[in-house]
Amino acid sequence: MIQKEGKICISQSSYVKDILEKFKMESCNLVSTPVENREKLRNNKVGNINPTYFKSLVEILGYFTCIKPNILYGVRFIRRYIETPDQSHLHATKRILCYIKWMMNKGMFYTSSKNLNLVGYLVSDWERDLYERKIKYGHPRRNR
């Protein structure tokens, strides 16, 4: 965190390094997107990945959504497979870690202002939800 008068920049680069070490991902390849284009994951009855390992990784990524909101879609996408993860789910999760490594030295920059305009964006992709095929987010007038 860097703080100056009227400005603050929040970056978690040292924490990112610790997490990459913990999950043996310090030498992973950098990627510029958190989710592969057209990635489709399926819900399995039985997974072949240790669920405790997978849950801890997903929970840590959940924490990162506060400072790196651009990974929120990817984390929400993999969170639905938390009970029976397989190799494809782990691959998608580790891709988000590679993306965080790529974004490691970038942070959230805030300045003080009396005029505040809050703008939010949302990406909805029901095609990737092969399990339920439901739109869970979106504009209320368009989802009727």
Foldseek 3Di string as FASTA:
>chain_A
DDDDVQKDWDADLVVLCVVCVVVVNNPPAADQALADPPDADDADPAADDDLVVVVVLLVVVVVCCVWVVRCVVLSVLLVVNSPHHYPSSVVSSVSNSSHCNVCRPHTDMGGDDPDDDDDDDDDWDLVRVPPPSDTDDDDPVVRD
